[in-house]
Amino acid sequence: RSPTIRDMVIRCLTQMVNMQAGNIRSGWKNIFAVFYQSASDTNGNLVELTFQTVNHIVTNVFQHHFPAAIDSFQDAVKCLSEFACNSAFPDTSMEAIRLIRYCAKYVSDKPQALREYTSDDMNVAPADRVWVRGWFPILFELSCIINRCKLDVRTRGLTVMFEIMKSYGHTFENQWWHDLFRIVFRIFDNMKLPEQQIEKSEWMTTTCNHALYAICDVFTQFYEALNGVLLSDIFTQLHWCVKQDNEQLARSGTNCLENLVILNGEKFSPEVWDQTCSCMLDIFRTTIPSVLLTWRPSGIEDDASEKRYVSAAV
């Protein structure tokens, strides 16, 4: 627990990485486990030293020794996520997210190394190893940043998440998209939203709003792949947004539905048009001010009945 001892440990590991990186194999997991603990520290010098070493590993060591480090790739991304979630050092948080974005390039450039890697995932198909050991850790940790961090950091995390989808989504399998959007839709999960009303309103106005437009952009860019996988889920999410008390999010829901139809309508099959019209009808029924169209609201009717009953009793 002594700051001096923690500093000494990090300096020893830094020296080991700088001198023997090419000879390290299974030891990377232990190294990142120590760096993960240091990433959430409140000592600025210790965090800075650790981050510099992690930065060197990601940008230089992985460049030349990526196959040897695949087993610890998920640990590296998790370590970067912990740096991003350390609210005491916002500049480091932003740099950590940049490095997570950099890690995506390794997965894109070296998919064969991920396919050929074997270990505890022997039961995973070679093609799916790219997802399990590469894309999923990156996108999952970005979602954790979005859920844990303050507005500026989570907004950057959200932006990077969708940048990765737009840049590399053409390589994704259908099942990967399905798993990915299960992560993305957690942003709108009522159980995950802040409990305080002010924070919840801010979350809906900023993060949910940003995510909604980004989802529709990704869907439009990869319509052919996503149409059969996610269309009904996206319509459900748009409907949920329109039903919320937050006016800006509700308006964004209708705007996104409009954009979705305008940009993709020419590609819709009759079945998709049926789904679209059904979604519009559900939204209309949900939002119509039915009480204003009633001659005598039920509350007034009940009050009148109660008064007649009291008069008769007297």
C-alpha atoms as a PDB file:
ATOM      1  CA  ARG A   1       0.000   0.000   0.000  1.00  0.00           C
ATOM      2  CA  SER A   2       3.020   2.279   0.305  1.00  0.00           C
ATOM      3  CA  PRO A   3       3.278   4.752  -2.627  1.00  0.00           C
ATOM      4  CA  THR A   4       7.018   4.154  -2.714  1.00  0.00           C
ATOM      5  CA  ILE A   5       6.615   0.391  -3.071  1.00  0.00           C
ATOM      6  CA  ARG A   6       3.904   0.778  -5.729  1.00  0.00           C
ATOM      7  CA  ASP A   7       6.166   3.124  -7.666  1.00  0.00           C
ATOM      8  CA  MET A   8       9.068   0.664  -7.420  1.00  0.00           C
ATOM      9  CA  VAL A   9       6.907  -2.217  -8.690  1.00  0.00           C
ATOM     10  CA  ILE A  10       5.740  -0.219 -11.716  1.00  0.00           C
ATOM     11  CA  ARG A  11       9.303   0.901 -12.496  1.00  0.00           C
ATOM     12  CA  CYS A  12      10.555  -2.691 -12.342  1.00  0.00           C
ATOM     13  CA  LEU A  13       7.842  -3.852 -14.747  1.00  0.00           C
ATOM     14  CA  THR A  14       8.527  -0.898 -17.036  1.00  0.00           C
ATOM     15  CA  GLN A  15      12.199  -1.828 -17.161  1.00  0.00           C
ATOM     16  CA  MET A  16      11.295  -5.456 -17.873  1.00  0.00           C
ATOM     17  CA  VAL A  17       9.012  -4.436 -20.743  1.00  0.00           C
ATOM     18  CA  ASN A  18      11.573  -2.066 -22.231  1.00  0.00           C
ATOM     19  CA  MET A  19      14.405  -4.633 -22.109  1.00  0.00           C
ATOM     20  CA  GLN A  20      12.703  -8.005 -22.616  1.00  0.00           C
ATOM     21  CA  ALA A  21       9.401  -7.408 -24.431  1.00  0.00           C
ATOM     22  CA  GLY A  22      10.306  -9.811 -27.213  1.00  0.00           C
ATOM     23  CA  ASN A  23      10.854 -12.655 -24.750  1.00  0.00           C
ATOM     24  CA  ILE A  24       7.649 -12.228 -22.727  1.00  0.00           C
ATOM     25  CA  ARG A  25       4.872 -14.733 -23.461  1.00  0.00           C
ATOM     26  CA  SER A  26       2.396 -15.726 -20.762  1.00  0.00           C
ATOM     27  CA  GLY A  27       3.756 -13.018 -18.470  1.00  0.00           C
ATOM     28  CA  TRP A  28       1.765 -10.295 -20.240  1.00  0.00           C
ATOM     29  CA  LYS A  29      -1.400 -11.230 -18.334  1.00  0.00           C
ATOM     30  CA  ASN A  30       0.321 -10.680 -14.984  1.00  0.00           C
ATOM     31  CA  ILE A  31       1.865  -7.433 -16.171  1.00  0.00           C
ATOM     32  CA  PHE A  32      -1.505  -6.037 -17.239  1.00  0.00           C
ATOM     33  CA  ALA A  33      -3.073  -7.243 -13.984  1.00  0.00           C
ATOM     34  CA  VAL A  34      -0.631  -5.020 -12.071  1.00  0.00           C
ATOM     35  CA  PHE A  35      -1.131  -2.111 -14.466  1.00  0.00           C
ATOM     36  CA  TYR A  36      -4.911  -2.500 -14.096  1.00  0.00           C
ATOM     37  CA  GLN A  37      -4.592  -1.956 -10.338  1.00  0.00           C
ATOM     38  CA  SER A  38      -2.392   1.077 -10.905  1.00  0.00           C
ATOM     39  CA  ALA A  39      -4.780   2.589 -13.470  1.00  0.00           C
ATOM     40  CA  SER A  40      -7.356   3.474 -10.802  1.00  0.00           C
ATOM     41  CA  ASP A  41      -4.791   4.995  -8.416  1.00  0.00           C
ATOM     42  CA  THR A  42      -5.050   8.593  -7.203  1.00  0.00           C
ATOM     43  CA  ASN A  43      -1.300   9.192  -7.339  1.00  0.00           C
ATOM     44  CA  GLY A  44      -0.751  11.251 -10.490  1.00  0.00           C
ATOM     45  CA  ASN A  45       2.906  10.315 -10.981  1.00  0.00           C
ATOM     46  CA  LEU A  46       2.162   6.604 -10.630  1.00  0.00           C
ATOM     47  CA  VAL A  47      -0.743   6.743 -13.060  1.00  0.00           C
ATOM     48  CA  GLU A  48       1.322   8.705 -15.575  1.00  0.00           C
ATOM     49  CA  LEU A  49       4.258   6.277 -15.388  1.00  0.00           C
ATOM     50  CA  THR A  50       1.965   3.271 -15.782  1.00  0.00           C
ATOM     51  CA  PHE A  51       0.098   4.810 -18.680  1.00  0.00           C
ATOM     52  CA  GLN A  52       3.302   5.650 -20.517  1.00  0.00           C
ATOM     53  CA  THR A  53       4.341   2.008 -20.273  1.00  0.00           C
ATOM     54  CA  VAL A  54       0.955   0.740 -21.457  1.00  0.00           C
ATOM     55  CA  ASN A  55       1.089   3.257 -24.301  1.00  0.00           C
ATOM     56  CA  HIS A  56       4.501   1.867 -25.315  1.00  0.00           C
ATOM     57  CA  ILE A  57       3.200  -1.715 -25.221  1.00  0.00           C
ATOM     58  CA  VAL A  58       0.126  -0.960 -27.334  1.00  0.00           C
ATOM     59  CA  THR A  59       1.796   1.244 -29.943  1.00  0.00           C
ATOM     60  CA  ASN A  60       5.192  -0.491 -30.226  1.00  0.00           C
ATOM     61  CA  VAL A  61       5.325  -3.938 -28.621  1.00  0.00           C
ATOM     62  CA  PHE A  62       2.009  -5.095 -30.082  1.00  0.00           C
ATOM     63  CA  GLN A  63       3.170  -3.842 -33.465  1.00  0.00           C
ATOM     64  CA  HIS A  64       6.059  -6.339 -33.522  1.00  0.00           C
ATOM     65  CA  HIS A  65       4.950  -9.107 -31.149  1.00  0.00           C
ATOM     66  CA  PHE A  66       1.161  -9.228 -31.506  1.00  0.00           C
ATOM     67  CA  PRO A  67       0.849 -13.052 -31.868  1.00  0.00           C
ATOM     68  CA  ALA A  68       2.704 -13.553 -28.575  1.00  0.00           C
ATOM     69  CA  ALA A  69       0.413 -11.068 -26.812  1.00  0.00           C
ATOM     70  CA  ILE A  70      -2.960 -12.295 -28.116  1.00  0.00           C
ATOM     71  CA  ASP A  71      -3.671 -14.195 -24.917  1.00  0.00           C
ATOM     72  CA  SER A  72      -3.455 -10.911 -22.983  1.00  0.00           C
ATOM     73  CA  PHE A  73      -5.087  -8.628 -25.576  1.00  0.00           C
ATOM     74  CA  GLN A  74      -8.350  -8.556 -23.635  1.00  0.00           C
ATOM     75  CA  ASP A  75      -6.414  -7.692 -20.458  1.00  0.00           C
ATOM     76  CA  ALA A  76      -4.717  -4.800 -22.255  1.00  0.00           C
ATOM     77  CA  VAL A  77      -8.048  -3.362 -23.408  1.00  0.00           C
ATOM     78  CA  LYS A  78      -9.535  -3.797 -19.926  1.00  0.00           C
ATOM     79  CA  CYS A  79      -6.529  -1.973 -18.477  1.00  0.00           C
ATOM     80  CA  LEU A  80      -7.065   0.928 -20.900  1.00  0.00           C
ATOM     81  CA  SER A  81     -10.740   1.019 -19.914  1.00  0.00           C
ATOM     82  CA  GLU A  82      -9.731   1.399 -16.275  1.00  0.00           C
ATOM     83  CA  PHE A  83      -7.504   4.343 -17.180  1.00  0.00           C
ATOM     84  CA  ALA A  84     -10.423   5.904 -19.038  1.00  0.00           C
ATOM     85  CA  CYS A  85     -12.677   5.519 -15.995  1.00  0.00           C
ATOM     86  CA  ASN A  86     -10.246   7.215 -13.611  1.00  0.00           C
ATOM     87  CA  SER A  87     -12.070  10.542 -13.206  1.00  0.00           C
ATOM     88  CA  ALA A  88      -9.083  12.155 -11.456  1.00  0.00           C
ATOM     89  CA  PHE A  89      -7.116  12.363 -14.725  1.00  0.00           C
ATOM     90  CA  PRO A  90      -9.411  13.358 -17.643  1.00  0.00           C
ATOM     91  CA  ASP A  91      -6.566  13.854 -20.133  1.00  0.00           C
ATOM     92  CA  THR A  92      -5.354  10.319 -19.497  1.00  0.00           C
ATOM     93  CA  SER A  93      -8.935   9.105 -19.919  1.00  0.00           C
ATOM     94  CA  MET A  94      -9.122  10.597 -23.401  1.00  0.00           C
ATOM     95  CA  GLU A  95      -5.732   9.157 -24.342  1.00  0.00           C
ATOM     96  CA  ALA A  96      -6.800   5.713 -23.112  1.00  0.00           C
ATOM     97  CA  ILE A  97      -9.855   5.811 -25.375  1.00  0.00           C
ATOM     98  CA  ARG A  98      -7.592   6.790 -28.268  1.00  0.00           C
ATOM     99  CA  LEU A  99      -5.467   3.707 -27.586  1.00  0.00           C
ATOM    100  CA  ILE A 100      -8.555   1.487 -27.509  1.00  0.00           C
ATOM    101  CA  ARG A 101      -9.352   2.885 -30.950  1.00  0.00           C
ATOM    102  CA  TYR A 102      -5.767   2.026 -31.940  1.00  0.00           C
ATOM    103  CA  CYS A 103      -6.268  -1.563 -30.729  1.00  0.00           C
ATOM    104  CA  ALA A 104      -9.107  -1.940 -33.227  1.00  0.00           C
ATOM    105  CA  LYS A 105      -6.584  -1.492 -36.025  1.00  0.00           C
ATOM    106  CA  TYR A 106      -4.650  -4.551 -34.813  1.00  0.00           C
ATOM    107  CA  VAL A 107      -7.791  -6.694 -34.931  1.00  0.00           C
ATOM    108  CA  SER A 108      -8.548  -5.451 -38.436  1.00  0.00           C
ATOM    109  CA  ASP A 109      -4.989  -5.839 -39.746  1.00  0.00           C
ATOM    110  CA  LYS A 110      -4.130  -9.160 -38.083  1.00  0.00           C
ATOM    111  CA  PRO A 111      -7.293 -11.310 -38.110  1.00  0.00           C
ATOM    112  CA  GLN A 112      -5.346 -14.375 -39.205  1.00  0.00           C
ATOM    113  CA  ALA A 113      -3.268 -14.302 -36.014  1.00  0.00           C
ATOM    114  CA  LEU A 114      -6.490 -14.330 -33.987  1.00  0.00           C
ATOM    115  CA  ARG A 115      -7.979 -17.174 -36.050  1.00  0.00           C
ATOM    116  CA  GLU A 116      -4.896 -19.319 -35.669  1.00  0.00           C
ATOM    117  CA  TYR A 117      -4.477 -18.706 -31.969  1.00  0.00           C
ATOM    118  CA  THR A 118      -5.497 -21.678 -29.820  1.00  0.00           C
ATOM    119  CA  SER A 119      -5.718 -22.040 -26.095  1.00  0.00           C
ATOM    120  CA  ASP A 120      -8.740 -22.119 -23.829  1.00  0.00           C
ATOM    121  CA  ASP A 121     -11.040 -21.256 -26.756  1.00  0.00           C
ATOM    122  CA  MET A 122     -10.461 -24.444 -28.763  1.00  0.00           C
ATOM    123  CA  ASN A 123     -14.237 -24.929 -28.880  1.00  0.00           C
ATOM    124  CA  VAL A 124     -14.694 -21.555 -30.628  1.00  0.00           C
ATOM    125  CA  ALA A 125     -14.742 -21.654 -34.429  1.00  0.00           C
ATOM    126  CA  PRO A 126     -11.642 -20.033 -35.974  1.00  0.00           C
ATOM    127  CA  ALA A 127     -13.683 -17.259 -37.623  1.00  0.00           C
ATOM    128  CA  ASP A 128     -15.410 -16.433 -34.340  1.00  0.00           C
ATOM    129  CA  ARG A 129     -12.083 -16.090 -32.509  1.00  0.00           C
ATOM    130  CA  VAL A 130     -11.688 -12.727 -34.237  1.00  0.00           C
ATOM    131  CA  TRP A 131     -14.875 -11.611 -32.509  1.00  0.00           C
ATOM    132  CA  VAL A 132     -14.341 -13.313 -29.142  1.00  0.00           C
ATOM    133  CA  ARG A 133     -10.696 -12.289 -28.664  1.00  0.00           C
ATOM    134  CA  GLY A 134     -10.651  -9.117 -30.771  1.00  0.00           C
ATOM    135  CA  TRP A 135     -13.756  -7.058 -31.436  1.00  0.00           C
ATOM    136  CA  PHE A 136     -15.880  -8.042 -28.455  1.00  0.00           C
ATOM    137  CA  PRO A 137     -13.368  -6.970 -25.742  1.00  0.00           C
ATOM    138  CA  ILE A 138     -12.893  -3.593 -27.446  1.00  0.00           C
ATOM    139  CA  LEU A 139     -16.586  -2.821 -27.900  1.00  0.00           C
ATOM    140  CA  PHE A 140     -17.566  -4.203 -24.505  1.00  0.00           C
ATOM    141  CA  GLU A 141     -14.983  -2.080 -22.680  1.00  0.00           C
ATOM    142  CA  LEU A 142     -16.136   1.003 -24.591  1.00  0.00           C
ATOM    143  CA  SER A 143     -19.676   0.278 -23.389  1.00  0.00           C
ATOM    144  CA  CYS A 144     -18.347   0.061 -19.822  1.00  0.00           C
ATOM    145  CA  ILE A 145     -16.720   3.474 -20.265  1.00  0.00           C
ATOM    146  CA  ILE A 146     -20.040   4.876 -21.489  1.00  0.00           C
ATOM    147  CA  ASN A 147     -21.886   3.474 -18.491  1.00  0.00           C
ATOM    148  CA  ARG A 148     -19.312   4.438 -15.836  1.00  0.00           C
ATOM    149  CA  CYS A 149     -17.852   7.803 -16.858  1.00  0.00           C
ATOM    150  CA  LYS A 150     -18.877  11.437 -16.798  1.00  0.00           C
ATOM    151  CA  LEU A 151     -20.354  13.188 -19.797  1.00  0.00           C
ATOM    152  CA  ASP A 152     -17.243  14.274 -21.721  1.00  0.00           C
ATOM    153  CA  VAL A 153     -15.479  10.914 -21.395  1.00  0.00           C
ATOM    154  CA  ARG A 154     -18.542   8.789 -22.094  1.00  0.00           C
ATOM    155  CA  THR A 155     -19.371  10.939 -25.126  1.00  0.00           C
ATOM    156  CA  ARG A 156     -15.889  10.286 -26.506  1.00  0.00           C
ATOM    157  CA  GLY A 157     -16.264   6.579 -25.743  1.00  0.00           C
ATOM    158  CA  LEU A 158     -19.601   6.518 -27.561  1.00  0.00           C
ATOM    159  CA  THR A 159     -18.142   8.322 -30.570  1.00  0.00           C
ATOM    160  CA  VAL A 160     -15.218   5.885 -30.809  1.00  0.00           C
ATOM    161  CA  MET A 161     -17.516   2.872 -30.459  1.00  0.00           C
ATOM    162  CA  PHE A 162     -19.558   3.928 -33.492  1.00  0.00           C
ATOM    163  CA  GLU A 163     -16.444   4.996 -35.425  1.00  0.00           C
ATOM    164  CA  ILE A 164     -15.182   1.427 -35.049  1.00  0.00           C
ATOM    165  CA  MET A 165     -18.507   0.031 -36.256  1.00  0.00           C
ATOM    166  CA  LYS A 166     -18.537   2.310 -39.306  1.00  0.00           C
ATOM    167  CA  SER A 167     -14.878   1.671 -40.149  1.00  0.00           C
ATOM    168  CA  TYR A 168     -14.774  -2.103 -39.680  1.00  0.00           C
ATOM    169  CA  GLY A 169     -18.409  -3.216 -39.751  1.00  0.00           C
ATOM    170  CA  HIS A 170     -18.031  -4.574 -43.261  1.00  0.00           C
ATOM    171  CA  THR A 171     -15.985  -7.431 -41.754  1.00  0.00           C
ATOM    172  CA  PHE A 172     -18.600  -8.363 -39.124  1.00  0.00           C
ATOM    173  CA  GLU A 173     -20.709 -11.526 -39.304  1.00  0.00           C
ATOM    174  CA  ASN A 174     -24.466 -11.353 -38.697  1.00  0.00           C
ATOM    175  CA  GLN A 175     -24.203 -12.996 -35.276  1.00  0.00           C
ATOM    176  CA  TRP A 176     -21.522 -10.503 -34.286  1.00  0.00           C
ATOM    177  CA  TRP A 177     -23.888  -7.638 -35.076  1.00  0.00           C
ATOM    178  CA  HIS A 178     -26.558  -9.266 -32.950  1.00  0.00           C
ATOM    179  CA  ASP A 179     -24.179  -9.615 -29.992  1.00  0.00           C
ATOM    180  CA  LEU A 180     -22.878  -6.093 -30.500  1.00  0.00           C
ATOM    181  CA  PHE A 181     -26.286  -4.428 -30.418  1.00  0.00           C
ATOM    182  CA  ARG A 182     -27.165  -6.313 -27.260  1.00  0.00           C
ATOM    183  CA  ILE A 183     -24.314  -4.280 -25.767  1.00  0.00           C
ATOM    184  CA  VAL A 184     -25.367  -1.036 -27.465  1.00  0.00           C
ATOM    185  CA  PHE A 185     -29.005  -1.233 -26.379  1.00  0.00           C
ATOM    186  CA  ARG A 186     -27.874  -1.395 -22.735  1.00  0.00           C
ATOM    187  CA  ILE A 187     -27.391   2.376 -23.071  1.00  0.00           C
ATOM    188  CA  PHE A 188     -31.187   2.704 -23.099  1.00  0.00           C
ATOM    189  CA  ASP A 189     -31.862   0.115 -20.387  1.00  0.00           C
ATOM    190  CA  ASN A 190     -34.038   1.601 -17.622  1.00  0.00           C
ATOM    191  CA  MET A 191     -32.196  -0.494 -15.037  1.00  0.00           C
ATOM    192  CA  LYS A 192     -28.877   1.040 -16.140  1.00  0.00           C
ATOM    193  CA  LEU A 193     -30.051   4.666 -16.170  1.00  0.00           C
ATOM    194  CA  PRO A 194     -29.049   6.977 -13.313  1.00  0.00           C
ATOM    195  CA  GLU A 195     -31.518   6.995 -10.427  1.00  0.00           C
ATOM    196  CA  GLN A 196     -31.417  10.768  -9.824  1.00  0.00           C
ATOM    197  CA  GLN A 197     -33.931  12.583 -12.036  1.00  0.00           C
ATOM    198  CA  ILE A 198     -31.490  15.348 -13.083  1.00  0.00           C
ATOM    199  CA  GLU A 199     -28.795  12.832 -14.050  1.00  0.00           C
ATOM    200  CA  LYS A 200     -31.357  10.655 -15.838  1.00  0.00           C
ATOM    201  CA  SER A 201     -32.606  13.640 -17.832  1.00  0.00           C
ATOM    202  CA  GLU A 202     -29.033  14.574 -18.783  1.00  0.00           C
ATOM    203  CA  TRP A 203     -28.292  10.971 -19.803  1.00  0.00           C
ATOM    204  CA  MET A 204     -31.353  10.873 -22.071  1.00  0.00           C
ATOM    205  CA  THR A 205     -30.712  14.296 -23.581  1.00  0.00           C
ATOM    206  CA  THR A 206     -27.047  13.630 -24.316  1.00  0.00           C
ATOM    207  CA  THR A 207     -25.943   9.985 -24.359  1.00  0.00           C
ATOM    208  CA  CYS A 208     -29.209   8.322 -25.423  1.00  0.00           C
ATOM    209  CA  ASN A 209     -29.817  11.029 -28.006  1.00  0.00           C
ATOM    210  CA  HIS A 210     -26.312  10.680 -29.457  1.00  0.00           C
ATOM    211  CA  ALA A 211     -26.538   6.883 -29.504  1.00  0.00           C
ATOM    212  CA  LEU A 212     -29.920   6.901 -31.233  1.00  0.00           C
ATOM    213  CA  TYR A 213     -28.715   8.901 -34.232  1.00  0.00           C
ATOM    214  CA  ALA A 214     -25.496   6.867 -34.409  1.00  0.00           C
ATOM    215  CA  ILE A 215     -27.445   3.574 -34.421  1.00  0.00           C
ATOM    216  CA  CYS A 216     -29.546   4.776 -37.338  1.00  0.00           C
ATOM    217  CA  ASP A 217     -26.422   5.885 -39.228  1.00  0.00           C
ATOM    218  CA  VAL A 218     -24.831   2.449 -38.771  1.00  0.00           C
ATOM    219  CA  PHE A 219     -28.061   0.709 -39.781  1.00  0.00           C
ATOM    220  CA  THR A 220     -28.262   2.781 -42.962  1.00  0.00           C
ATOM    221  CA  GLN A 221     -24.587   2.167 -43.830  1.00  0.00           C
ATOM    222  CA  PHE A 222     -24.940  -1.615 -43.407  1.00  0.00           C
ATOM    223  CA  TYR A 223     -28.594  -1.983 -44.325  1.00  0.00           C
ATOM    224  CA  GLU A 224     -28.173  -5.167 -46.336  1.00  0.00           C
ATOM    225  CA  ALA A 225     -26.464  -6.964 -43.442  1.00  0.00           C
ATOM    226  CA  LEU A 226     -28.582  -5.538 -40.624  1.00  0.00           C
ATOM    227  CA  ASN A 227     -32.040  -5.521 -42.147  1.00  0.00           C
ATOM    228  CA  GLY A 228     -32.894  -9.092 -41.238  1.00  0.00           C
ATOM    229  CA  VAL A 229     -30.979  -9.047 -37.953  1.00  0.00           C
ATOM    230  CA  LEU A 230     -31.893  -5.821 -36.183  1.00  0.00           C
ATOM    231  CA  LEU A 231     -34.768  -3.984 -37.836  1.00  0.00           C
ATOM    232  CA  SER A 232     -37.440  -5.062 -35.357  1.00  0.00           C
ATOM    233  CA  ASP A 233     -35.133  -4.278 -32.412  1.00  0.00           C
ATOM    234  CA  ILE A 234     -34.424  -0.795 -33.781  1.00  0.00           C
ATOM    235  CA  PHE A 235     -38.138  -0.106 -34.230  1.00  0.00           C
ATOM    236  CA  THR A 236     -38.706  -1.241 -30.634  1.00  0.00           C
ATOM    237  CA  GLN A 237     -35.957   1.112 -29.450  1.00  0.00           C
ATOM    238  CA  LEU A 238     -37.381   4.047 -31.408  1.00  0.00           C
ATOM    239  CA  HIS A 239     -40.795   3.364 -29.907  1.00  0.00           C
ATOM    240  CA  TRP A 240     -39.255   3.323 -26.416  1.00  0.00           C
ATOM    241  CA  CYS A 241     -37.588   6.693 -27.009  1.00  0.00           C
ATOM    242  CA  VAL A 242     -40.810   8.302 -28.183  1.00  0.00           C
ATOM    243  CA  LYS A 243     -42.634   7.116 -25.028  1.00  0.00           C
ATOM    244  CA  GLN A 244     -40.162   8.806 -22.651  1.00  0.00           C
ATOM    245  CA  ASP A 245     -40.969  11.992 -20.757  1.00  0.00           C
ATOM    246  CA  ASN A 246     -37.850  13.618 -22.200  1.00  0.00           C
ATOM    247  CA  GLU A 247     -39.140  15.745 -25.079  1.00  0.00           C
ATOM    248  CA  GLN A 248     -35.827  16.008 -26.911  1.00  0.00           C
ATOM    249  CA  LEU A 249     -35.343  12.223 -26.906  1.00  0.00           C
ATOM    250  CA  ALA A 250     -38.938  11.704 -28.033  1.00  0.00           C
ATOM    251  CA  ARG A 251     -38.468  14.141 -30.920  1.00  0.00           C
ATOM    252  CA  SER A 252     -35.191  12.437 -31.822  1.00  0.00           C
ATOM    253  CA  GLY A 253     -37.027   9.114 -31.964  1.00  0.00           C
ATOM    254  CA  THR A 254     -39.499  10.404 -34.549  1.00  0.00           C
ATOM    255  CA  ASN A 255     -36.730  12.182 -36.497  1.00  0.00           C
ATOM    256  CA  CYS A 256     -34.653   8.997 -36.626  1.00  0.00           C
ATOM    257  CA  LEU A 257     -37.640   6.970 -37.816  1.00  0.00           C
ATOM    258  CA  GLU A 258     -38.234   9.535 -40.547  1.00  0.00           C
ATOM    259  CA  ASN A 259     -34.566   9.462 -41.603  1.00  0.00           C
ATOM    260  CA  LEU A 260     -34.570   5.677 -41.554  1.00  0.00           C
ATOM    261  CA  VAL A 261     -37.500   5.541 -43.960  1.00  0.00           C
ATOM    262  CA  ILE A 262     -36.237   8.318 -46.244  1.00  0.00           C
ATOM    263  CA  LEU A 263     -32.731   6.883 -46.574  1.00  0.00           C
ATOM    264  CA  ASN A 264     -33.666   3.194 -46.838  1.00  0.00           C
ATOM    265  CA  GLY A 265     -37.258   3.157 -48.089  1.00  0.00           C
ATOM    266  CA  GLU A 266     -36.288   2.283 -51.651  1.00  0.00           C
ATOM    267  CA  LYS A 267     -34.751  -0.966 -50.347  1.00  0.00           C
ATOM    268  CA  PHE A 268     -37.731  -1.982 -48.193  1.00  0.00           C
ATOM    269  CA  SER A 269     -39.529  -5.202 -49.027  1.00  0.00           C
ATOM    270  CA  PRO A 270     -43.329  -5.433 -48.521  1.00  0.00           C
ATOM    271  CA  GLU A 271     -42.703  -7.196 -45.201  1.00  0.00           C
ATOM    272  CA  VAL A 272     -40.404  -4.390 -44.015  1.00  0.00           C
ATOM    273  CA  TRP A 273     -43.005  -1.807 -45.020  1.00  0.00           C
ATOM    274  CA  ASP A 274     -45.551  -3.691 -42.930  1.00  0.00           C
ATOM    275  CA  GLN A 275     -43.198  -3.537 -39.947  1.00  0.00           C
ATOM    276  CA  THR A 276     -42.544   0.158 -40.543  1.00  0.00           C
ATOM    277  CA  CYS A 277     -46.218   1.071 -40.780  1.00  0.00           C
ATOM    278  CA  SER A 278     -46.962  -1.001 -37.691  1.00  0.00           C
ATOM    279  CA  CYS A 279     -44.231   0.888 -35.793  1.00  0.00           C
ATOM    280  CA  MET A 280     -45.655   4.237 -36.919  1.00  0.00           C
ATOM    281  CA  LEU A 281     -49.147   3.192 -35.858  1.00  0.00           C
ATOM    282  CA  ASP A 282     -47.895   2.086 -32.433  1.00  0.00           C
ATOM    283  CA  ILE A 283     -46.102   5.417 -31.972  1.00  0.00           C
ATOM    284  CA  PHE A 284     -49.216   7.324 -33.007  1.00  0.00           C
ATOM    285  CA  ARG A 285     -51.411   5.396 -30.600  1.00  0.00           C
ATOM    286  CA  THR A 286     -48.900   5.888 -27.791  1.00  0.00           C
ATOM    287  CA  THR A 287     -48.531   9.639 -28.245  1.00  0.00           C
ATOM    288  CA  ILE A 288     -52.024  10.754 -29.227  1.00  0.00           C
ATOM    289  CA  PRO A 289     -53.505  13.029 -26.499  1.00  0.00           C
ATOM    290  CA  SER A 290     -56.593  10.879 -26.064  1.00  0.00           C
ATOM    291  CA  VAL A 291     -57.705  12.684 -22.876  1.00  0.00           C
ATOM    292  CA  LEU A 292     -58.043  15.949 -24.801  1.00  0.00           C
ATOM    293  CA  LEU A 293     -60.409  14.238 -27.227  1.00  0.00           C
ATOM    294  CA  THR A 294     -62.758  13.036 -24.473  1.00  0.00           C
ATOM    295  CA  TRP A 295     -65.936  15.082 -23.852  1.00  0.00           C
ATOM    296  CA  ARG A 296     -65.903  14.379 -20.136  1.00  0.00           C
ATOM    297  CA  PRO A 297     -62.665  12.974 -18.648  1.00  0.00           C
ATOM    298  CA  SER A 298     -63.157   9.970 -16.381  1.00  0.00           C
ATOM    299  CA  GLY A 299     -62.050  11.888 -13.282  1.00  0.00           C
ATOM    300  CA  ILE A 300     -64.827  14.462 -13.709  1.00  0.00           C
ATOM    301  CA  GLU A 301     -67.372  11.727 -14.306  1.00  0.00           C
ATOM    302  CA  ASP A 302     -66.363   9.971 -11.092  1.00  0.00           C
ATOM    303  CA  ASP A 303     -66.577  13.237  -9.108  1.00  0.00           C
ATOM    304  CA  ALA A 304     -70.050  13.912 -10.452  1.00  0.00           C
ATOM    305  CA  SER A 305     -71.235  10.401  -9.551  1.00  0.00           C
ATOM    306  CA  GLU A 306     -69.844  10.768  -6.028  1.00  0.00           C
ATOM    307  CA  LYS A 307     -71.663  14.084  -5.518  1.00  0.00           C
ATOM    308  CA  ARG A 308     -74.985  12.561  -6.639  1.00  0.00           C
ATOM    309  CA  TYR A 309     -74.464   9.674  -4.224  1.00  0.00           C
ATOM    310  CA  VAL A 310     -73.759  12.019  -1.318  1.00  0.00           C
ATOM    311  CA  SER A 311     -76.820  14.179  -2.126  1.00  0.00           C
ATOM    312  CA  ALA A 312     -79.070  11.122  -2.222  1.00  0.00           C
ATOM    313  CA  ALA A 313     -77.736   9.942   1.143  1.00  0.00           C
ATOM    314  CA  VAL A 314     -78.464  13.306   2.754  1.00  0.00           C
END
